[in-house]
Amino acid sequence: MVDSREPRWLPISNEPRAPEAREGETFHFLDARYPDPPIPRSQEGVILHRAEILDITGLPQLLDWASEGDIVMLDTRRLMARQTEFNAVIERLASFVERDLGGELVQMGETRILILPPKVKATEHTDRGE
C-alpha cells in the first residue's frame, strides 16, 4: 500500500502533449482551456512554469515570472536557430535574473534553461557527505 503523504510521480516525456488525459491518467492538460489560471500566491509557495520561448517577444513574461519569485523550466530549442536573437535573450535574462534579482540561470542539457529565484539554489551534485 502506498503512503498517501508521499508525492505521486508523473512521467514526463518529450512527446507533444495531448489536450486531454491519456488512458489511466488522473490529471488533465488545461493549457487550452485555462491559459492563465488563477494560482493563489503564498509566502511559502513557489510556482514552477514550464515554457518554450519562440522569439524575443516572450522575454517580458519570463522576466515577470522571475520577478515574482517563480521557477521557470525554459525550452530554447526553436530560438537557438536564430543565434543573434538567442544571445540577446540570454544576455537580458542573465542581466535581470542573476545581477538584478540575485537568482540563477542553470543550463539543463543542450536546449533547456532553469530560471531560479534568489530563494532557490541549484547544486551540482547529490552527495550530501554521508
N, C-alpha and C. Protein backbone atom coordinates (compact mmCIF):
# COMPACT_ATOMS: atom_id res chain seq x y z
N MET A 1 0.84 -1.18 0.00
CA MET A 1 0.00 0.00 0.00
C MET A 1 0.88 1.24 0.00
N VAL A 2 0.58 2.21 -0.83
CA VAL A 2 1.36 3.43 -0.96
C VAL A 2 0.92 4.44 0.09
N ASP A 3 1.90 5.05 0.74
CA ASP A 3 1.62 6.08 1.75
C ASP A 3 1.05 7.31 1.03
N SER A 4 -0.13 7.76 1.45
CA SER A 4 -0.79 8.88 0.76
C SER A 4 -0.07 10.21 0.97
N ARG A 5 0.86 10.26 1.92
CA ARG A 5 1.61 11.50 2.15
C ARG A 5 2.79 11.65 1.19
N GLU A 6 3.17 10.57 0.53
CA GLU A 6 4.28 10.63 -0.41
C GLU A 6 3.81 11.28 -1.71
N PRO A 7 4.71 11.99 -2.41
CA PRO A 7 4.32 12.59 -3.68
C PRO A 7 4.04 11.53 -4.74
N ARG A 8 3.12 11.83 -5.62
CA ARG A 8 2.83 10.94 -6.73
C ARG A 8 3.68 11.39 -7.90
N TRP A 9 4.51 10.52 -8.43
CA TRP A 9 5.41 10.86 -9.52
C TRP A 9 4.68 10.66 -10.84
N LEU A 10 4.77 11.67 -11.70
CA LEU A 10 4.15 11.61 -13.01
C LEU A 10 5.24 11.55 -14.07
N PRO A 11 5.12 10.65 -15.03
CA PRO A 11 6.14 10.58 -16.08
C PRO A 11 6.08 11.82 -16.97
N ILE A 12 7.25 12.35 -17.30
CA ILE A 12 7.34 13.50 -18.21
C ILE A 12 8.16 13.06 -19.40
N SER A 13 7.64 13.28 -20.58
CA SER A 13 8.34 12.88 -21.78
C SER A 13 8.47 14.05 -22.73
N ASN A 14 9.17 13.85 -23.81
CA ASN A 14 9.33 14.88 -24.83
C ASN A 14 8.24 14.80 -25.90
N GLU A 15 7.29 13.89 -25.72
CA GLU A 15 6.20 13.77 -26.68
C GLU A 15 5.33 15.02 -26.62
N PRO A 16 4.73 15.41 -27.75
CA PRO A 16 3.79 16.53 -27.71
C PRO A 16 2.66 16.21 -26.74
N ARG A 17 2.25 17.20 -25.99
CA ARG A 17 1.21 16.98 -25.00
C ARG A 17 -0.15 16.93 -25.67
N ALA A 18 -0.93 15.95 -25.28
CA ALA A 18 -2.29 15.82 -25.79
C ALA A 18 -3.19 16.78 -25.02
N PRO A 19 -4.25 17.28 -25.64
CA PRO A 19 -5.13 18.22 -24.96
C PRO A 19 -5.94 17.58 -23.84
N GLU A 20 -5.98 16.27 -23.78
CA GLU A 20 -6.72 15.63 -22.71
C GLU A 20 -5.91 14.47 -22.16
N ALA A 21 -6.30 13.98 -21.02
CA ALA A 21 -5.54 12.92 -20.35
C ALA A 21 -5.55 11.64 -21.16
N ARG A 22 -4.46 10.89 -21.05
CA ARG A 22 -4.39 9.58 -21.67
C ARG A 22 -5.05 8.55 -20.76
N GLU A 23 -5.32 7.40 -21.30
CA GLU A 23 -5.99 6.35 -20.52
C GLU A 23 -5.19 6.03 -19.27
N GLY A 24 -5.87 5.98 -18.14
CA GLY A 24 -5.23 5.65 -16.87
C GLY A 24 -4.68 6.84 -16.11
N GLU A 25 -4.62 8.02 -16.73
CA GLU A 25 -4.12 9.19 -16.04
C GLU A 25 -5.26 9.90 -15.32
N THR A 26 -4.93 10.48 -14.18
CA THR A 26 -5.96 11.14 -13.38
C THR A 26 -5.81 12.66 -13.41
N PHE A 27 -5.06 13.18 -14.36
CA PHE A 27 -4.91 14.62 -14.50
C PHE A 27 -5.19 15.02 -15.94
N HIS A 28 -5.40 16.30 -16.16
CA HIS A 28 -5.72 16.80 -17.50
C HIS A 28 -4.85 17.99 -17.82
N PHE A 29 -4.47 18.14 -19.07
CA PHE A 29 -3.76 19.32 -19.52
C PHE A 29 -4.79 20.40 -19.82
N LEU A 30 -4.76 21.47 -19.08
CA LEU A 30 -5.77 22.51 -19.23
C LEU A 30 -5.22 23.76 -19.90
N ASP A 31 -4.09 23.63 -20.60
CA ASP A 31 -3.46 24.79 -21.24
C ASP A 31 -4.41 25.54 -22.15
N ALA A 32 -5.16 24.82 -22.97
CA ALA A 32 -6.05 25.48 -23.93
C ALA A 32 -7.26 26.09 -23.25
N ARG A 33 -7.80 25.41 -22.25
CA ARG A 33 -8.99 25.91 -21.57
C ARG A 33 -8.68 27.05 -20.61
N TYR A 34 -7.57 26.92 -19.89
CA TYR A 34 -7.21 27.91 -18.87
C TYR A 34 -5.75 28.33 -19.04
N PRO A 35 -5.45 29.17 -20.03
CA PRO A 35 -4.06 29.54 -20.27
C PRO A 35 -3.45 30.40 -19.16
N ASP A 36 -4.27 31.08 -18.37
CA ASP A 36 -3.77 31.93 -17.29
C ASP A 36 -4.58 31.64 -16.02
N PRO A 37 -4.36 30.46 -15.41
CA PRO A 37 -5.18 30.08 -14.28
C PRO A 37 -4.92 30.97 -13.06
N PRO A 38 -5.93 31.17 -12.23
CA PRO A 38 -5.73 31.95 -11.02
C PRO A 38 -5.03 31.10 -9.96
N ILE A 39 -3.73 31.22 -9.87
CA ILE A 39 -2.94 30.44 -8.92
C ILE A 39 -2.74 31.28 -7.67
N PRO A 40 -3.23 30.82 -6.52
CA PRO A 40 -3.06 31.61 -5.30
C PRO A 40 -1.59 31.69 -4.90
N ARG A 41 -1.17 32.84 -4.47
CA ARG A 41 0.20 33.04 -4.03
C ARG A 41 0.25 33.00 -2.51
N SER A 42 1.35 32.49 -1.98
CA SER A 42 1.56 32.50 -0.55
C SER A 42 3.03 32.81 -0.29
N GLN A 43 3.36 33.15 0.92
CA GLN A 43 4.74 33.48 1.26
C GLN A 43 5.66 32.27 1.12
N GLU A 44 5.14 31.07 1.40
CA GLU A 44 5.97 29.86 1.40
C GLU A 44 6.04 29.18 0.04
N GLY A 45 5.08 29.42 -0.83
CA GLY A 45 4.97 28.67 -2.07
C GLY A 45 5.79 29.22 -3.21
N VAL A 46 6.10 28.33 -4.16
CA VAL A 46 6.81 28.69 -5.38
C VAL A 46 6.06 28.05 -6.54
N ILE A 47 5.91 28.76 -7.63
CA ILE A 47 5.26 28.22 -8.82
C ILE A 47 6.34 27.83 -9.81
N LEU A 48 6.18 26.65 -10.43
CA LEU A 48 7.09 26.18 -11.46
C LEU A 48 6.38 26.27 -12.80
N HIS A 49 6.92 27.11 -13.70
CA HIS A 49 6.36 27.26 -15.04
C HIS A 49 7.20 26.43 -16.01
N ARG A 50 6.53 25.75 -16.91
CA ARG A 50 7.21 25.03 -17.99
C ARG A 50 6.89 25.80 -19.26
N ALA A 51 7.92 26.38 -19.89
CA ALA A 51 7.69 27.28 -21.01
C ALA A 51 8.65 27.01 -22.15
N GLU A 52 8.23 27.46 -23.33
CA GLU A 52 9.08 27.41 -24.52
C GLU A 52 9.13 28.82 -25.09
N ILE A 53 10.34 29.31 -25.34
CA ILE A 53 10.47 30.65 -25.91
C ILE A 53 10.68 30.50 -27.42
N LEU A 54 9.84 31.19 -28.19
CA LEU A 54 9.90 31.11 -29.64
C LEU A 54 10.68 32.27 -30.24
N ASP A 55 10.58 33.45 -29.61
CA ASP A 55 11.31 34.62 -30.07
C ASP A 55 11.43 35.62 -28.91
N ILE A 56 12.03 36.74 -29.16
CA ILE A 56 12.33 37.71 -28.10
C ILE A 56 11.06 38.32 -27.48
N THR A 57 9.93 38.21 -28.17
CA THR A 57 8.70 38.77 -27.60
C THR A 57 8.22 37.99 -26.37
N GLY A 58 8.75 36.80 -26.14
CA GLY A 58 8.40 36.03 -24.95
C GLY A 58 9.19 36.44 -23.72
N LEU A 59 10.20 37.27 -23.90
CA LEU A 59 11.07 37.68 -22.79
C LEU A 59 10.35 38.40 -21.66
N PRO A 60 9.45 39.36 -21.92
CA PRO A 60 8.78 40.05 -20.80
C PRO A 60 8.04 39.11 -19.85
N GLN A 61 7.41 38.07 -20.36
CA GLN A 61 6.72 37.11 -19.48
C GLN A 61 7.71 36.39 -18.58
N LEU A 62 8.86 36.00 -19.14
CA LEU A 62 9.89 35.34 -18.34
C LEU A 62 10.40 36.26 -17.24
N LEU A 63 10.62 37.52 -17.57
CA LEU A 63 11.10 38.49 -16.58
C LEU A 63 10.05 38.72 -15.50
N ASP A 64 8.77 38.74 -15.87
CA ASP A 64 7.69 38.87 -14.88
C ASP A 64 7.70 37.70 -13.92
N TRP A 65 7.77 36.48 -14.46
CA TRP A 65 7.77 35.29 -13.59
C TRP A 65 8.98 35.31 -12.66
N ALA A 66 10.15 35.68 -13.20
CA ALA A 66 11.34 35.73 -12.37
C ALA A 66 11.20 36.76 -11.25
N SER A 67 10.65 37.93 -11.57
CA SER A 67 10.50 38.97 -10.56
C SER A 67 9.47 38.60 -9.50
N GLU A 68 8.52 37.70 -9.83
CA GLU A 68 7.53 37.23 -8.87
C GLU A 68 8.06 36.10 -8.00
N GLY A 69 9.31 35.65 -8.28
CA GLY A 69 9.91 34.58 -7.48
C GLY A 69 9.57 33.19 -7.95
N ASP A 70 9.06 33.06 -9.18
CA ASP A 70 8.70 31.76 -9.73
C ASP A 70 9.92 31.08 -10.34
N ILE A 71 9.83 29.76 -10.50
CA ILE A 71 10.84 28.97 -11.19
C ILE A 71 10.33 28.72 -12.60
N VAL A 72 11.24 28.79 -13.58
CA VAL A 72 10.84 28.55 -14.97
C VAL A 72 11.77 27.51 -15.58
N MET A 73 11.19 26.44 -16.14
CA MET A 73 11.95 25.48 -16.93
C MET A 73 11.71 25.88 -18.38
N LEU A 74 12.73 26.43 -19.01
CA LEU A 74 12.59 27.07 -20.32
C LEU A 74 13.22 26.25 -21.43
N ASP A 75 12.43 25.93 -22.45
CA ASP A 75 12.92 25.24 -23.63
C ASP A 75 13.30 26.29 -24.67
N THR A 76 14.55 26.29 -25.09
CA THR A 76 15.06 27.30 -26.03
C THR A 76 15.33 26.71 -27.42
N ARG A 77 14.90 25.49 -27.66
CA ARG A 77 15.24 24.78 -28.90
C ARG A 77 14.95 25.59 -30.16
N ARG A 78 13.75 26.15 -30.27
CA ARG A 78 13.40 26.87 -31.50
C ARG A 78 14.16 28.19 -31.64
N LEU A 79 14.41 28.84 -30.52
CA LEU A 79 15.11 30.13 -30.56
C LEU A 79 16.59 29.96 -30.91
N MET A 80 17.18 28.83 -30.60
CA MET A 80 18.61 28.62 -30.83
C MET A 80 19.00 28.71 -32.30
N ALA A 81 18.06 28.50 -33.20
CA ALA A 81 18.36 28.58 -34.63
C ALA A 81 18.69 30.02 -35.05
N ARG A 82 18.21 30.99 -34.29
CA ARG A 82 18.50 32.41 -34.57
C ARG A 82 19.48 32.90 -33.50
N GLN A 83 20.76 32.71 -33.78
CA GLN A 83 21.83 32.92 -32.80
C GLN A 83 21.85 34.33 -32.21
N THR A 84 21.68 35.36 -33.02
CA THR A 84 21.72 36.74 -32.52
C THR A 84 20.58 37.00 -31.55
N GLU A 85 19.38 36.56 -31.91
CA GLU A 85 18.23 36.74 -31.04
C GLU A 85 18.36 35.90 -29.76
N PHE A 86 18.87 34.68 -29.90
CA PHE A 86 19.11 33.81 -28.76
C PHE A 86 20.08 34.47 -27.78
N ASN A 87 21.19 34.99 -28.30
CA ASN A 87 22.18 35.65 -27.44
C ASN A 87 21.60 36.86 -26.72
N ALA A 88 20.76 37.62 -27.42
CA ALA A 88 20.13 38.80 -26.80
C ALA A 88 19.20 38.39 -25.66
N VAL A 89 18.43 37.32 -25.86
CA VAL A 89 17.52 36.83 -24.81
C VAL A 89 18.31 36.34 -23.60
N ILE A 90 19.34 35.55 -23.84
CA ILE A 90 20.14 35.01 -22.73
C ILE A 90 20.85 36.12 -21.97
N GLU A 91 21.39 37.10 -22.68
CA GLU A 91 22.06 38.22 -22.02
C GLU A 91 21.09 39.01 -21.15
N ARG A 92 19.91 39.28 -21.67
CA ARG A 92 18.91 40.02 -20.89
C ARG A 92 18.44 39.21 -19.69
N LEU A 93 18.21 37.91 -19.88
CA LEU A 93 17.83 37.05 -18.75
C LEU A 93 18.92 37.03 -17.68
N ALA A 94 20.17 36.83 -18.11
CA ALA A 94 21.28 36.79 -17.15
C ALA A 94 21.41 38.11 -16.41
N SER A 95 21.30 39.19 -17.13
CA SER A 95 21.41 40.51 -16.51
C SER A 95 20.34 40.71 -15.45
N PHE A 96 19.10 40.41 -15.78
CA PHE A 96 18.00 40.64 -14.85
C PHE A 96 17.98 39.62 -13.71
N VAL A 97 18.03 38.33 -14.06
CA VAL A 97 17.89 37.28 -13.05
C VAL A 97 19.10 37.22 -12.13
N GLU A 98 20.30 37.17 -12.70
CA GLU A 98 21.50 37.00 -11.87
C GLU A 98 21.98 38.29 -11.24
N ARG A 99 22.06 39.34 -12.02
CA ARG A 99 22.62 40.59 -11.48
C ARG A 99 21.61 41.42 -10.70
N ASP A 100 20.40 41.60 -11.24
CA ASP A 100 19.41 42.45 -10.58
C ASP A 100 18.68 41.74 -9.44
N LEU A 101 18.25 40.49 -9.68
CA LEU A 101 17.47 39.78 -8.66
C LEU A 101 18.32 38.95 -7.70
N GLY A 102 19.50 38.52 -8.16
CA GLY A 102 20.32 37.63 -7.33
C GLY A 102 19.93 36.17 -7.47
N GLY A 103 19.22 35.83 -8.56
CA GLY A 103 18.83 34.45 -8.83
C GLY A 103 19.89 33.74 -9.66
N GLU A 104 19.49 32.63 -10.28
CA GLU A 104 20.43 31.84 -11.08
C GLU A 104 19.80 31.38 -12.39
N LEU A 105 20.63 31.26 -13.42
CA LEU A 105 20.27 30.57 -14.65
C LEU A 105 21.09 29.29 -14.66
N VAL A 106 20.44 28.15 -14.85
CA VAL A 106 21.12 26.86 -14.84
C VAL A 106 20.84 26.17 -16.16
N GLN A 107 21.90 25.80 -16.89
CA GLN A 107 21.73 25.08 -18.15
C GLN A 107 21.41 23.63 -17.84
N MET A 108 20.36 23.12 -18.48
CA MET A 108 19.95 21.72 -18.30
C MET A 108 19.96 21.07 -19.67
N GLY A 109 21.00 20.36 -19.96
CA GLY A 109 21.11 19.74 -21.28
C GLY A 109 21.48 20.79 -22.32
N GLU A 110 21.16 20.48 -23.56
CA GLU A 110 21.55 21.35 -24.67
C GLU A 110 20.56 22.47 -24.94
N THR A 111 19.27 22.26 -24.60
CA THR A 111 18.26 23.23 -25.03
C THR A 111 17.40 23.80 -23.91
N ARG A 112 17.65 23.42 -22.67
CA ARG A 112 16.80 23.89 -21.58
C ARG A 112 17.59 24.73 -20.58
N ILE A 113 16.90 25.72 -20.04
CA ILE A 113 17.47 26.59 -19.01
C ILE A 113 16.49 26.64 -17.86
N LEU A 114 17.00 26.53 -16.66
CA LEU A 114 16.20 26.65 -15.45
C LEU A 114 16.44 28.03 -14.87
N ILE A 115 15.37 28.79 -14.70
CA ILE A 115 15.45 30.13 -14.13
C ILE A 115 15.04 30.02 -12.67
N LEU A 116 15.97 30.31 -11.77
CA LEU A 116 15.72 30.17 -10.33
C LEU A 116 15.70 31.52 -9.63
N PRO A 117 14.73 31.73 -8.76
CA PRO A 117 14.68 32.98 -7.99
C PRO A 117 15.74 32.95 -6.88
N PRO A 118 15.99 34.07 -6.23
CA PRO A 118 17.04 34.13 -5.21
C PRO A 118 16.86 33.13 -4.07
N LYS A 119 15.64 32.80 -3.71
CA LYS A 119 15.42 31.90 -2.57
C LYS A 119 15.62 30.42 -2.91
N VAL A 120 15.88 30.10 -4.18
CA VAL A 120 16.10 28.71 -4.61
C VAL A 120 17.51 28.61 -5.19
N LYS A 121 18.28 27.65 -4.72
CA LYS A 121 19.66 27.48 -5.19
C LYS A 121 19.83 26.11 -5.85
N ALA A 122 20.68 26.05 -6.85
CA ALA A 122 21.00 24.80 -7.55
C ALA A 122 22.31 24.24 -7.00
N THR A 123 22.42 22.92 -7.02
CA THR A 123 23.69 22.28 -6.66
C THR A 123 24.15 21.45 -7.84
N GLU A 124 25.44 21.15 -7.88
CA GLU A 124 25.98 20.38 -8.99
C GLU A 124 26.08 18.90 -8.67
N HIS A 125 25.79 18.51 -7.45
CA HIS A 125 25.93 17.12 -7.07
C HIS A 125 24.84 16.73 -6.08
N THR A 126 24.69 15.43 -5.89
CA THR A 126 23.70 14.93 -4.94
C THR A 126 24.35 14.36 -3.70
N ASP A 127 25.68 14.36 -3.63
CA ASP A 127 26.40 13.82 -2.48
C ASP A 127 26.17 14.75 -1.29
N ARG A 128 25.59 14.22 -0.24
CA ARG A 128 25.31 15.01 0.95
C ARG A 128 26.38 14.81 2.02
N GLY A 129 27.49 14.20 1.66
CA GLY A 129 28.57 13.99 2.61
C GLY A 129 28.29 12.85 3.57
N GLU A 130 27.43 11.95 3.18
CA GLU A 130 27.10 10.82 4.07
C GLU A 130 28.07 9.70 3.89
